[in-house]
Structures are given as structure tokens and as C-alpha cells.
């Protein structure tokens, strides 16, 4: 069961008020310390309890923090004057221009330019910066490559799954094709058998009921074959009669 929402108002019970003060004070001091360490900020915290007891925290020196605070407040009050405000912004512009020149110089030095005026310590510092930059670039490159490999592996798994599904579809189509070929072959065999049976029956019926064609040969002319002897006998008979 979660904690109920606390209404932000004065706690009437003195004991509860003191316990809450102790807890929240410690939490506030902890957050101030973390802010100073993590963000490199100059933090000064001053707390007076309801009984007048002082609790404070500072990341450096409370006096320095207070002096800096008063200085900033004075500059802020001076900005209310237009002339002072113009001078302030001119000073800010000069500082920004100097920072820009410094950054440009550092950039050229990182590129290996304008190194003649640097001593050994400056060159060592520059070398350390380059090594740190190179490590950062390599780390970023490795991260990009790992991301690309991860993405390619994911795509490969997806393509492999699609390939597997396509193989299953191809095998299914092959099975269906084989089945259809078998059915077509059976139908073709049945058709050929039916056709052959019909042809045989037709030939048999034709042979039984085939018409008989009779052709009469033409009479050959008779030749008068008279032997030589007959002719001689006739001649002899004719001679005697005369």
C-alpha cells in the first residue's frame, strides 16, 4: 500500500514537526552535496530551525559563497542603470570573443597546427587530450558497429524465417504438383484404355459387317487353233476330189 499524499502546510504537532524537519534537512543537505560534486557547482546552504539552530553546507567556503553572492547582487542592481547595463554587455561580448578565440586556437592545435609556441608540458597536455578524444571516438565507433551488427543479426533472423517459410511453401507446392501429375497420368491412362477398347470394337464390327465385292472377269476371246496335220488332211481331200 503506497504512502498517502502529504498536504504541504504547517505541522501542528511539535514532535512530528521536529521529525519531519530532521528528515527533510538531511535530504536537502544530501542533494546539495550531490549537486556540488556531480555538476561542479559552488553551493552554499544555510538553514535555521524553528528553535534558531543553524545548519549549513558549503562546497568550498561559506564566506566565498556569500561574497560572490553579494557581488552578483550588486552587478544585478547596477544593470538597472542603462549605461551600466551597456558596459556590462560590452564586457560580456569581450569575454565571449576571447573564449571563441581560445576555442579556435585549441581546435587548430588539435588538428596539429600552430604548435611552434607550445612547450613540453603544453604538448603533453595536448597529447592527453588527443588520446582521450581518440578513446571517445573509438568507443563511439564500437557502439555504432555493435548497433549495426545487432540490426544486421535481427534482419538476418527475419530473412531466415522468411526463407524457411518459403521453403515450406515450395515443398507444399511440389507435393501438390506431384499429386496433380499423378491424377493427370491416371486420367490419361484411363482415356487411352477407353480409346483402345473403342477402336478394337469398331474394327471387329467392321470385319463382321464388311461388304463382299464380287468382280466378274471379262470373257477371253477363243483362238482357232488348227494343227498342221489337220491342214494337210484337208489339202489331200481337196486334191482327190478334183
Protein backbone atom coordinates (compact mmCIF):
# COMPACT_ATOMS: atom_id res chain seq x y z
CA UNK A 1 0.00 0.00 0.00
CA UNK A 2 1.52 3.34 -1.04
CA UNK A 3 2.03 6.35 1.16
CA UNK A 4 -0.69 8.93 1.21
CA UNK A 5 -0.11 12.37 -0.23
CA UNK A 6 1.13 14.84 2.39
CA UNK A 7 -0.58 18.21 2.47
CA UNK A 8 2.03 20.99 2.35
CA UNK A 9 1.15 23.06 5.39
CA UNK A 10 2.50 23.69 8.88
CA UNK A 11 2.56 20.59 11.08
CA UNK A 12 0.79 21.38 14.32
CA UNK A 13 2.28 18.52 16.35
CA UNK A 14 5.70 19.65 17.58
CA UNK A 15 7.13 16.11 17.72
CA UNK A 16 6.03 15.29 14.19
CA UNK A 17 7.27 18.68 13.03
CA UNK A 18 10.72 18.05 14.53
CA UNK A 19 10.95 14.55 12.97
CA UNK A 20 9.94 15.88 9.57
CA UNK A 21 12.44 18.72 9.85
CA UNK A 22 15.29 16.31 10.62
CA UNK A 23 14.44 14.02 7.69
CA UNK A 24 13.97 16.77 5.14
CA UNK A 25 17.03 18.69 6.36
CA UNK A 26 19.22 15.65 5.87
CA UNK A 27 17.71 15.05 2.44
CA UNK A 28 18.27 18.68 1.44
CA UNK A 29 21.90 18.60 2.62
CA UNK A 30 22.47 15.37 0.70
CA UNK A 31 21.03 16.83 -2.50
CA UNK A 32 23.18 19.97 -2.14
CA UNK A 33 26.30 17.82 -1.75
CA UNK A 34 25.41 15.69 -4.78
CA UNK A 35 24.75 18.82 -6.85
CA UNK A 36 28.15 20.26 -5.96
CA UNK A 37 30.01 17.02 -6.78
CA UNK A 38 28.15 15.95 -9.93
CA UNK A 39 27.82 19.36 -11.58
CA UNK A 40 30.95 21.07 -10.23
CA UNK A 41 28.74 23.79 -8.80
CA UNK A 42 29.55 26.12 -5.94
CA UNK A 43 26.80 25.53 -3.41
CA UNK A 44 26.12 27.28 -0.12
CA UNK A 45 23.17 26.21 2.04
CA UNK A 46 22.04 27.87 5.28
CA UNK A 47 19.17 26.54 7.39
CA UNK A 48 17.75 27.92 10.65
CA UNK A 49 15.35 25.69 12.53
CA UNK A 50 12.25 26.95 14.36
CA UNK A 51 14.31 26.96 17.54
CA UNK A 52 17.02 29.13 15.96
CA UNK A 53 19.59 26.34 15.48
CA UNK A 54 21.92 26.81 12.47
CA UNK A 55 22.55 24.08 9.88
CA UNK A 56 24.71 24.84 6.85
CA UNK A 57 26.63 23.25 3.98
CA UNK A 58 29.11 24.71 1.53
CA UNK A 59 31.12 23.14 -1.27
CA UNK A 60 34.10 25.47 -0.66
CA UNK A 61 33.87 28.31 1.86
CA UNK A 62 30.72 29.92 3.13
CA UNK A 63 32.45 33.32 3.15
CA UNK A 64 33.46 32.99 -0.51
CA UNK A 65 29.97 31.93 -1.45
CA UNK A 66 28.41 34.88 0.38
CA UNK A 67 30.90 37.35 -1.13
CA UNK A 68 30.23 36.03 -4.58
CA UNK A 69 26.53 36.25 -3.96
CA UNK A 70 26.78 39.85 -2.82
CA UNK A 71 28.92 40.72 -5.85
CA UNK A 72 26.39 39.26 -8.23
CA UNK A 73 23.61 41.11 -6.48
CA UNK A 74 25.50 44.38 -6.81
CA UNK A 75 26.07 43.77 -10.53
CA UNK A 76 22.42 42.99 -10.89
CA UNK A 77 21.49 46.27 -9.24
CA UNK A 78 23.90 48.13 -11.48
CA UNK A 79 22.19 46.67 -14.52
CA UNK A 80 19.19 48.74 -13.64
CA UNK A 81 21.18 51.73 -14.95
CA UNK A 82 21.16 51.74 -18.83
CA UNK A 83 24.78 52.93 -19.03
CA UNK A 84 25.92 50.26 -16.60
CA UNK A 85 23.90 47.67 -18.50
CA UNK A 86 25.58 48.65 -21.78
CA UNK A 87 29.03 48.36 -20.20
CA UNK A 88 28.11 45.01 -18.72
CA UNK A 89 27.06 43.60 -22.08
CA UNK A 90 30.17 45.02 -23.74
CA UNK A 91 32.27 43.20 -21.16
CA UNK A 92 30.29 40.02 -21.80
CA UNK A 93 30.89 40.38 -25.54
CA UNK A 94 34.63 40.78 -24.96
CA UNK A 95 34.72 37.67 -22.77
CA UNK A 96 32.77 35.66 -25.32
CA UNK A 97 35.13 36.82 -28.10
CA UNK A 98 38.14 35.77 -26.04
CA UNK A 99 36.57 32.38 -25.33
CA UNK A 100 35.87 31.92 -29.03
CA UNK A 101 39.48 32.73 -29.93
CA UNK A 102 40.70 30.30 -27.28
CA UNK A 103 38.47 27.52 -28.58
CA UNK A 104 39.55 28.18 -32.17
CA UNK A 105 43.19 28.03 -31.13
CA UNK A 106 42.63 24.76 -29.28
CA UNK A 107 40.85 23.37 -32.33
CA UNK A 108 43.77 24.27 -34.62
CA UNK A 109 46.21 22.74 -32.16
CA UNK A 110 44.18 19.55 -32.03
CA UNK A 111 44.47 19.45 -35.83
CA UNK A 112 48.27 19.73 -35.50
CA UNK A 113 48.55 23.39 -36.40
CA UNK A 114 50.23 26.32 -34.60
CA UNK A 115 52.31 24.07 -32.31
CA UNK A 116 55.51 26.13 -32.50
CA UNK A 117 54.72 28.23 -29.43
CA UNK A 118 53.94 25.26 -27.14
CA UNK A 119 56.37 23.89 -24.58
CA UNK A 120 56.76 20.28 -23.48
CA UNK A 121 54.05 20.48 -20.82
CA UNK A 122 51.58 22.03 -23.26
CA UNK A 123 52.37 19.34 -25.83
CA UNK A 124 51.87 16.62 -23.21
CA UNK A 125 48.53 18.11 -22.23
CA UNK A 126 47.57 18.29 -25.89
CA UNK A 127 48.62 14.67 -26.35
CA UNK A 128 46.46 13.62 -23.40
CA UNK A 129 43.51 15.48 -24.88
CA UNK A 130 44.04 13.77 -28.22
CA UNK A 131 44.25 10.35 -26.59
CA UNK A 132 41.08 11.00 -24.63
CA UNK A 133 39.35 12.22 -27.78
CA UNK A 134 40.61 9.17 -29.68
CA UNK A 135 39.28 6.85 -26.97
CA UNK A 136 35.93 8.60 -27.12
CA UNK A 137 35.86 8.27 -30.93
CA UNK A 138 36.78 4.57 -30.75
CA UNK A 139 34.17 3.94 -28.11
CA UNK A 140 31.54 5.69 -30.21
CA UNK A 141 32.67 3.76 -33.28
CA UNK A 142 32.45 0.44 -31.42
CA UNK A 143 28.98 1.34 -30.20
CA UNK A 144 27.85 2.22 -33.73
CA UNK A 145 29.32 -1.03 -35.10
CA UNK A 146 27.67 -3.05 -32.34
CA UNK A 147 24.34 -1.42 -33.12
CA UNK A 148 24.78 -2.16 -36.82
CA UNK A 149 25.74 -5.78 -36.12
CA UNK A 150 22.75 -6.15 -33.85
CA UNK A 151 20.48 -4.72 -36.52
CA UNK A 152 22.00 -6.98 -39.20
CA UNK A 153 21.54 -10.02 -36.96
CA UNK A 154 17.93 -9.05 -36.46
CA UNK A 155 17.45 -8.65 -40.21
CA UNK A 156 19.25 -11.96 -40.80
CA UNK A 157 16.94 -13.74 -38.39
CA UNK A 158 13.95 -12.18 -40.10
CA UNK A 159 15.23 -13.18 -43.57
CA UNK A 160 16.00 -16.69 -42.32
CA UNK A 161 12.46 -17.02 -41.01
CA UNK A 162 11.07 -15.82 -44.35
CA UNK A 163 13.35 -18.26 -46.20
CA UNK A 164 12.11 -21.12 -44.04
CA UNK A 165 8.50 -20.20 -44.72
CA UNK A 166 9.22 -20.00 -48.47
CA UNK A 167 10.86 -23.44 -48.40
CA UNK A 168 7.79 -24.85 -46.70
CA UNK A 169 5.55 -23.27 -49.34
CA UNK A 170 7.76 -24.63 -52.15
CA UNK A 171 7.64 -28.14 -50.67
CA UNK A 172 3.87 -27.89 -50.36
CA UNK A 173 3.58 -26.75 -54.00
CA UNK A 174 5.83 -29.63 -55.09
CA UNK A 175 3.64 -32.12 -53.27
CA UNK A 176 0.52 -30.65 -54.85
CA UNK A 177 2.22 -30.66 -58.27
CA UNK A 178 3.20 -34.33 -57.88
CA UNK A 179 -0.32 -35.21 -56.83
CA UNK A 180 -1.79 -33.35 -59.82
CA UNK A 181 0.66 -35.05 -62.21
CA UNK A 182 -0.34 -38.43 -60.81
CA UNK A 183 -4.02 -37.66 -61.22
CA UNK A 184 -3.44 -36.39 -64.79
CA UNK A 185 -1.48 -39.54 -65.65
CA UNK A 186 -4.25 -41.75 -64.27
CA UNK A 187 -6.88 -39.85 -66.25
CA UNK A 188 -4.72 -40.07 -69.38
CA UNK A 189 -4.24 -43.84 -68.90
CA UNK A 190 -7.96 -44.33 -68.45
CA UNK A 191 -8.66 -42.26 -71.56
CA UNK A 192 -6.11 -44.25 -73.60
CA UNK A 193 -7.57 -47.54 -72.38
CA UNK A 194 -11.08 -46.41 -73.25
CA UNK A 195 -9.92 -45.21 -76.66
CA UNK A 196 -8.11 -48.50 -77.40
CA UNK A 197 -11.15 -50.56 -76.37
CA UNK A 198 -13.45 -48.48 -78.57
CA UNK A 199 -11.07 -48.85 -81.55
CA UNK A 200 -10.90 -52.67 -81.20
CA UNK A 201 -14.67 -52.97 -81.02
CA UNK A 202 -15.00 -50.78 -84.11
CA UNK A 203 -12.57 -52.99 -86.08
CA UNK A 204 -14.40 -56.14 -85.07
CA UNK A 205 -17.77 -54.73 -86.10
CA UNK A 206 -16.29 -53.63 -89.40
CA UNK A 207 -14.92 -57.10 -90.13
CA UNK A 208 -18.29 -58.79 -89.35
CA UNK A 209 -20.36 -56.43 -91.45
CA UNK A 210 -17.87 -55.69 -94.22
CA UNK A 211 -19.48 -55.75 -97.77
CA UNK A 212 -18.45 -58.52 -100.16
CA UNK A 213 -17.36 -57.19 -103.59
CA UNK A 214 -17.57 -59.75 -106.38
CA UNK A 215 -15.93 -58.92 -109.71
CA UNK A 216 -16.70 -60.88 -112.91
CA UNK A 217 -13.80 -61.38 -115.24
CA UNK A 218 -14.22 -60.47 -118.91
CA UNK A 219 -14.62 -63.40 -121.34
CA UNK A 220 -11.40 -64.16 -123.16
CA UNK A 221 -11.61 -64.45 -126.97
CA UNK A 222 -11.19 -68.04 -128.23
CA UNK A 223 -8.41 -68.64 -130.65
CA UNK A 224 -8.81 -71.08 -133.62
CA UNK A 225 -6.04 -73.49 -133.07
CA UNK A 226 -5.79 -75.74 -136.21
CA UNK A 227 -2.98 -78.10 -136.23
CA UNK A 228 -0.69 -78.64 -139.18
CA UNK A 229 -1.82 -82.19 -139.63
CA UNK A 230 -5.43 -81.11 -140.00
CA UNK A 231 -4.46 -78.66 -142.64
CA UNK A 232 -2.56 -81.36 -144.53
CA UNK A 233 -5.51 -83.73 -144.41
CA UNK A 234 -7.79 -81.10 -145.82
CA UNK A 235 -5.44 -80.46 -148.67
CA UNK A 236 -5.28 -84.12 -149.51
CA UNK A 237 -9.04 -84.45 -149.54
CA UNK A 238 -9.38 -81.48 -151.86
CA UNK A 239 -6.86 -82.93 -154.31
CA UNK A 240 -8.64 -86.27 -154.52
CA UNK A 241 -11.93 -84.74 -155.16
CA UNK A 242 -10.70 -82.85 -158.05
